[in-house]
Amino acid sequence: MEIPKQLLDCLNQNKVEYEILHHAEAVTAQRIAQVEHVKGRHQTKVVMIRSGDQHLMVVLPADHHIDLEKVEKVLGKAVSLDKENEFKSLFPDSATGAMPPFGNLYGLPTYVDKRLAEQDYIVFEAGTHTDAIKMSYSDYEKIVKPKIEDLAIKLHPMKGA
């Protein structure tokens, strides 16, 4: 699978600087951060949630977990984690689980955890399990126009790890 054309077109049309990073196949955001030598706070992970029949994209730092109670408070309605088989058809140009955090390209409301919005740059999966893109957070925000909220809790390293 290749980097989605609409993602590259979007970045180029918005005239933003970005760097394409190639890495060995990695499936989790934490593992990608490791192979790319990026701190977890810069590496994004996309979590798909559902509220009623609506799919929503939540983007968090890799070193955080989504807090569904916080998301419900922000939205004012019940949410649940979306099931992969229910959302993968929304991203026909991306490998399952490797969708870029550009909900705007897929007609999805996009929410970003406030801790990610504090970073100078972000790194995200670019539609494949072997490609990532590094770009400034401010350029990302200008393009995607996400809602920025407190949506996550920091992962704590396991004792002895």
C-alpha atoms as a PDB file:
ATOM      1  CA  MET A   1       0.000   0.000   0.000  1.00  0.00           C
ATOM      2  CA  GLU A   2       1.191   3.534  -0.767  1.00  0.00           C
ATOM      3  CA  ILE A   3       0.781   6.840   1.037  1.00  0.00           C
ATOM      4  CA  PRO A   4      -2.727   8.088   0.140  1.00  0.00           C
ATOM      5  CA  LYS A   5      -2.596  10.493  -2.810  1.00  0.00           C
ATOM      6  CA  GLN A   6      -5.230  12.740  -1.240  1.00  0.00           C
ATOM      7  CA  LEU A   7      -3.017  13.162   1.851  1.00  0.00           C
ATOM      8  CA  LEU A   8       0.048  14.184  -0.178  1.00  0.00           C
ATOM      9  CA  ASP A   9      -2.097  16.430  -2.412  1.00  0.00           C
ATOM     10  CA  CYS A  10      -3.563  18.089   0.680  1.00  0.00           C
ATOM     11  CA  LEU A  11      -0.121  18.763   2.180  1.00  0.00           C
ATOM     12  CA  ASN A  12       1.257  20.060  -1.126  1.00  0.00           C
ATOM     13  CA  GLN A  13      -1.764  22.246  -1.905  1.00  0.00           C
ATOM     14  CA  ASN A  14      -1.448  23.823   1.542  1.00  0.00           C
ATOM     15  CA  LYS A  15       2.260  24.448   0.842  1.00  0.00           C
ATOM     16  CA  VAL A  16       3.431  23.036   4.170  1.00  0.00           C
ATOM     17  CA  GLU A  17       6.808  21.531   4.869  1.00  0.00           C
ATOM     18  CA  TYR A  18       6.798  17.860   5.762  1.00  0.00           C
ATOM     19  CA  GLU A  19       9.185  14.948   5.798  1.00  0.00           C
ATOM     20  CA  ILE A  20       8.320  11.386   4.799  1.00  0.00           C
ATOM     21  CA  LEU A  21       9.923   8.837   7.115  1.00  0.00           C
ATOM     22  CA  HIS A  22      10.276   5.195   6.084  1.00  0.00           C
ATOM     23  CA  HIS A  23      10.651   2.515   8.735  1.00  0.00           C
ATOM     24  CA  ALA A  24      10.403  -1.199   9.305  1.00  0.00           C
ATOM     25  CA  GLU A  25       6.826  -2.402   9.604  1.00  0.00           C
ATOM     26  CA  ALA A  26       5.359  -1.228  12.899  1.00  0.00           C
ATOM     27  CA  VAL A  27       1.757  -1.425  13.977  1.00  0.00           C
ATOM     28  CA  THR A  28       1.468   0.468  17.264  1.00  0.00           C
ATOM     29  CA  ALA A  29       2.092   4.181  17.706  1.00  0.00           C
ATOM     30  CA  GLN A  30       4.519   3.495  20.551  1.00  0.00           C
ATOM     31  CA  ARG A  31       6.525   1.094  18.345  1.00  0.00           C
ATOM     32  CA  ILE A  32       6.607   3.609  15.475  1.00  0.00           C
ATOM     33  CA  ALA A  33       7.872   6.262  17.888  1.00  0.00           C
ATOM     34  CA  GLN A  34      10.645   3.830  18.874  1.00  0.00           C
ATOM     35  CA  VAL A  35      11.731   2.962  15.333  1.00  0.00           C
ATOM     36  CA  GLU A  36      11.568   6.628  14.270  1.00  0.00           C
ATOM     37  CA  HIS A  37      13.422   7.745  17.442  1.00  0.00           C
ATOM     38  CA  VAL A  38      10.585  10.128  18.285  1.00  0.00           C
ATOM     39  CA  LYS A  39       9.287  10.827  21.781  1.00  0.00           C
ATOM     40  CA  GLY A  40       5.785   9.424  22.415  1.00  0.00           C
ATOM     41  CA  ARG A  41       4.408  12.934  22.946  1.00  0.00           C
ATOM     42  CA  HIS A  42       5.204  13.782  19.284  1.00  0.00           C
ATOM     43  CA  GLN A  43       3.953  10.520  17.750  1.00  0.00           C
ATOM     44  CA  THR A  44       0.212  10.591  17.109  1.00  0.00           C
ATOM     45  CA  LYS A  45      -2.228   7.761  17.364  1.00  0.00           C
ATOM     46  CA  VAL A  46      -5.705   7.789  15.922  1.00  0.00           C
ATOM     47  CA  VAL A  47      -8.527   6.345  17.992  1.00  0.00           C
ATOM     48  CA  MET A  48     -11.875   5.946  16.291  1.00  0.00           C
ATOM     49  CA  ILE A  49     -14.916   6.373  18.483  1.00  0.00           C
ATOM     50  CA  ARG A  50     -18.609   6.204  17.848  1.00  0.00           C
ATOM     51  CA  SER A  51     -21.430   8.288  19.204  1.00  0.00           C
ATOM     52  CA  GLY A  52     -24.788   6.960  18.060  1.00  0.00           C
ATOM     53  CA  ASP A  53     -24.290   6.292  14.357  1.00  0.00           C
ATOM     54  CA  GLN A  54     -21.546   8.898  13.958  1.00  0.00           C
ATOM     55  CA  HIS A  55     -17.851   8.033  13.629  1.00  0.00           C
ATOM     56  CA  LEU A  56     -15.380  10.465  15.211  1.00  0.00           C
ATOM     57  CA  MET A  57     -11.594  10.653  14.967  1.00  0.00           C
ATOM     58  CA  VAL A  58      -9.634  11.363  18.139  1.00  0.00           C
ATOM     59  CA  VAL A  59      -5.916  12.086  17.823  1.00  0.00           C
ATOM     60  CA  LEU A  60      -3.676  11.680  20.860  1.00  0.00           C
ATOM     61  CA  PRO A  61       0.011  11.453  21.709  1.00  0.00           C
ATOM     62  CA  ALA A  62       1.250   7.843  21.539  1.00  0.00           C
ATOM     63  CA  ASP A  63       2.133   7.923  25.242  1.00  0.00           C
ATOM     64  CA  HIS A  64      -1.505   8.557  26.241  1.00  0.00           C
ATOM     65  CA  HIS A  65      -4.739   6.540  26.414  1.00  0.00           C
ATOM     66  CA  ILE A  66      -8.109   7.889  25.388  1.00  0.00           C
ATOM     67  CA  ASP A  67     -10.374   8.712  28.332  1.00  0.00           C
ATOM     68  CA  LEU A  68     -13.915   7.981  27.166  1.00  0.00           C
ATOM     69  CA  GLU A  69     -15.408   9.804  30.167  1.00  0.00           C
ATOM     70  CA  LYS A  70     -13.581  12.991  29.139  1.00  0.00           C
ATOM     71  CA  VAL A  71     -14.754  12.548  25.534  1.00  0.00           C
ATOM     72  CA  GLU A  72     -18.360  12.079  26.678  1.00  0.00           C
ATOM     73  CA  LYS A  73     -18.114  15.236  28.774  1.00  0.00           C
ATOM     74  CA  VAL A  74     -16.815  17.223  25.770  1.00  0.00           C
ATOM     75  CA  LEU A  75     -19.459  15.851  23.381  1.00  0.00           C
ATOM     76  CA  GLY A  76     -22.285  15.828  25.894  1.00  0.00           C
ATOM     77  CA  LYS A  77     -23.322  12.345  24.783  1.00  0.00           C
ATOM     78  CA  ALA A  78     -22.354   8.697  25.168  1.00  0.00           C
ATOM     79  CA  VAL A  79     -19.447   7.312  23.164  1.00  0.00           C
ATOM     80  CA  SER A  80     -17.788   3.948  22.673  1.00  0.00           C
ATOM     81  CA  LEU A  81     -14.666   2.707  20.963  1.00  0.00           C
ATOM     82  CA  ASP A  82     -15.393   2.070  17.310  1.00  0.00           C
ATOM     83  CA  LYS A  83     -14.820  -1.458  16.042  1.00  0.00           C
ATOM     84  CA  GLU A  84     -12.239  -1.852  13.285  1.00  0.00           C
ATOM     85  CA  ASN A  85     -14.652  -3.680  10.985  1.00  0.00           C
ATOM     86  CA  GLU A  86     -17.115  -0.772  11.348  1.00  0.00           C
ATOM     87  CA  PHE A  87     -14.705   2.011  10.346  1.00  0.00           C
ATOM     88  CA  LYS A  88     -12.098   0.482   8.040  1.00  0.00           C
ATOM     89  CA  SER A  89     -14.274   1.120   4.975  1.00  0.00           C
ATOM     90  CA  LEU A  90     -14.050   4.869   5.755  1.00  0.00           C
ATOM     91  CA  PHE A  91     -10.324   4.704   4.874  1.00  0.00           C
ATOM     92  CA  PRO A  92     -10.139   2.740   1.591  1.00  0.00           C
ATOM     93  CA  ASP A  93      -6.727   4.243   0.757  1.00  0.00           C
ATOM     94  CA  SER A  94      -5.067   3.258   4.044  1.00  0.00           C
ATOM     95  CA  ALA A  95      -3.914   0.049   5.648  1.00  0.00           C
ATOM     96  CA  THR A  96      -6.178  -0.936   8.534  1.00  0.00           C
ATOM     97  CA  GLY A  97      -5.066   0.950  11.617  1.00  0.00           C
ATOM     98  CA  ALA A  98      -2.638   3.198   9.708  1.00  0.00           C
ATOM     99  CA  MET A  99      -5.020   5.985   8.767  1.00  0.00           C
ATOM    100  CA  PRO A 100      -3.547   9.486   8.922  1.00  0.00           C
ATOM    101  CA  PRO A 101      -5.043  11.895  11.506  1.00  0.00           C
ATOM    102  CA  PHE A 102      -6.742  13.975   8.810  1.00  0.00           C
ATOM    103  CA  GLY A 103     -10.432  13.428   9.512  1.00  0.00           C
ATOM    104  CA  ASN A 104     -11.148  16.384   7.207  1.00  0.00           C
ATOM    105  CA  LEU A 105     -10.099  14.235   4.219  1.00  0.00           C
ATOM    106  CA  TYR A 106     -12.610  11.557   5.179  1.00  0.00           C
ATOM    107  CA  GLY A 107     -15.559  13.716   6.267  1.00  0.00           C
ATOM    108  CA  LEU A 108     -14.982  12.948   9.954  1.00  0.00           C
ATOM    109  CA  PRO A 109     -15.142  15.322  12.912  1.00  0.00           C
ATOM    110  CA  THR A 110     -11.624  15.406  14.360  1.00  0.00           C
ATOM    111  CA  TYR A 111     -10.674  15.992  17.978  1.00  0.00           C
ATOM    112  CA  VAL A 112      -7.101  16.450  19.214  1.00  0.00           C
ATOM    113  CA  ASP A 113      -5.928  15.991  22.770  1.00  0.00           C
ATOM    114  CA  LYS A 114      -4.624  19.287  24.145  1.00  0.00           C
ATOM    115  CA  ARG A 115      -1.225  17.761  25.003  1.00  0.00           C
ATOM    116  CA  LEU A 116      -0.585  16.989  21.346  1.00  0.00           C
ATOM    117  CA  ALA A 117      -1.520  20.572  20.456  1.00  0.00           C
ATOM    118  CA  GLU A 118       1.334  21.778  22.708  1.00  0.00           C
ATOM    119  CA  GLN A 119       3.993  20.091  20.554  1.00  0.00           C
ATOM    120  CA  ASP A 120       6.085  21.929  17.968  1.00  0.00           C
ATOM    121  CA  TYR A 121       5.924  18.981  15.578  1.00  0.00           C
ATOM    122  CA  ILE A 122       4.054  15.701  15.184  1.00  0.00           C
ATOM    123  CA  VAL A 123       4.757  12.392  13.464  1.00  0.00           C
ATOM    124  CA  PHE A 124       1.900  10.264  12.183  1.00  0.00           C
ATOM    125  CA  GLU A 125       1.240   7.133  10.187  1.00  0.00           C
ATOM    126  CA  ALA A 126       0.780   7.961   6.540  1.00  0.00           C
ATOM    127  CA  GLY A 127      -1.690   5.289   5.497  1.00  0.00           C
ATOM    128  CA  THR A 128       0.819   2.426   5.640  1.00  0.00           C
ATOM    129  CA  HIS A 129       2.608   0.521   8.394  1.00  0.00           C
ATOM    130  CA  THR A 130       5.999   1.509   6.918  1.00  0.00           C
ATOM    131  CA  ASP A 131       5.612   5.253   6.244  1.00  0.00           C
ATOM    132  CA  ALA A 132       5.198   8.167   8.598  1.00  0.00           C
ATOM    133  CA  ILE A 133       5.095  11.918   8.072  1.00  0.00           C
ATOM    134  CA  LYS A 134       6.706  14.545  10.258  1.00  0.00           C
ATOM    135  CA  MET A 135       5.322  18.095  10.125  1.00  0.00           C
ATOM    136  CA  SER A 136       4.756  21.089  12.374  1.00  0.00           C
ATOM    137  CA  TYR A 137       1.751  20.832  14.637  1.00  0.00           C
ATOM    138  CA  SER A 138       0.667  24.368  13.744  1.00  0.00           C
ATOM    139  CA  ASP A 139       0.508  23.459  10.021  1.00  0.00           C
ATOM    140  CA  TYR A 140      -1.481  20.325  10.887  1.00  0.00           C
ATOM    141  CA  GLU A 141      -3.946  22.389  12.918  1.00  0.00           C
ATOM    142  CA  LYS A 142      -4.361  24.957  10.115  1.00  0.00           C
ATOM    143  CA  ILE A 143      -5.235  22.210   7.621  1.00  0.00           C
ATOM    144  CA  VAL A 144      -7.401  19.896   9.742  1.00  0.00           C
ATOM    145  CA  LYS A 145      -8.990  22.497  12.067  1.00  0.00           C
ATOM    146  CA  PRO A 146      -9.586  19.935  14.834  1.00  0.00           C
ATOM    147  CA  LYS A 147     -11.406  20.636  18.079  1.00  0.00           C
ATOM    148  CA  ILE A 148      -8.762  20.715  20.826  1.00  0.00           C
ATOM    149  CA  GLU A 149      -9.831  19.274  24.177  1.00  0.00           C
ATOM    150  CA  ASP A 150      -8.591  17.332  27.204  1.00  0.00           C
ATOM    151  CA  LEU A 151      -9.318  13.794  25.976  1.00  0.00           C
ATOM    152  CA  ALA A 152      -6.576  11.519  27.261  1.00  0.00           C
ATOM    153  CA  ILE A 153      -4.611  10.268  30.230  1.00  0.00           C
ATOM    154  CA  LYS A 154      -0.879   9.615  30.309  1.00  0.00           C
ATOM    155  CA  LEU A 155       0.271   6.016  30.171  1.00  0.00           C
ATOM    156  CA  HIS A 156       2.398   5.049  33.138  1.00  0.00           C
ATOM    157  CA  PRO A 157       5.352   2.748  32.523  1.00  0.00           C
ATOM    158  CA  MET A 158       4.947  -0.662  34.099  1.00  0.00           C
ATOM    159  CA  LYS A 159       7.011  -1.284  37.212  1.00  0.00           C
ATOM    160  CA  GLY A 160      10.176  -3.141  36.349  1.00  0.00           C
ATOM    161  CA  ALA A 161       9.854  -2.269  32.655  1.00  0.00           C
END
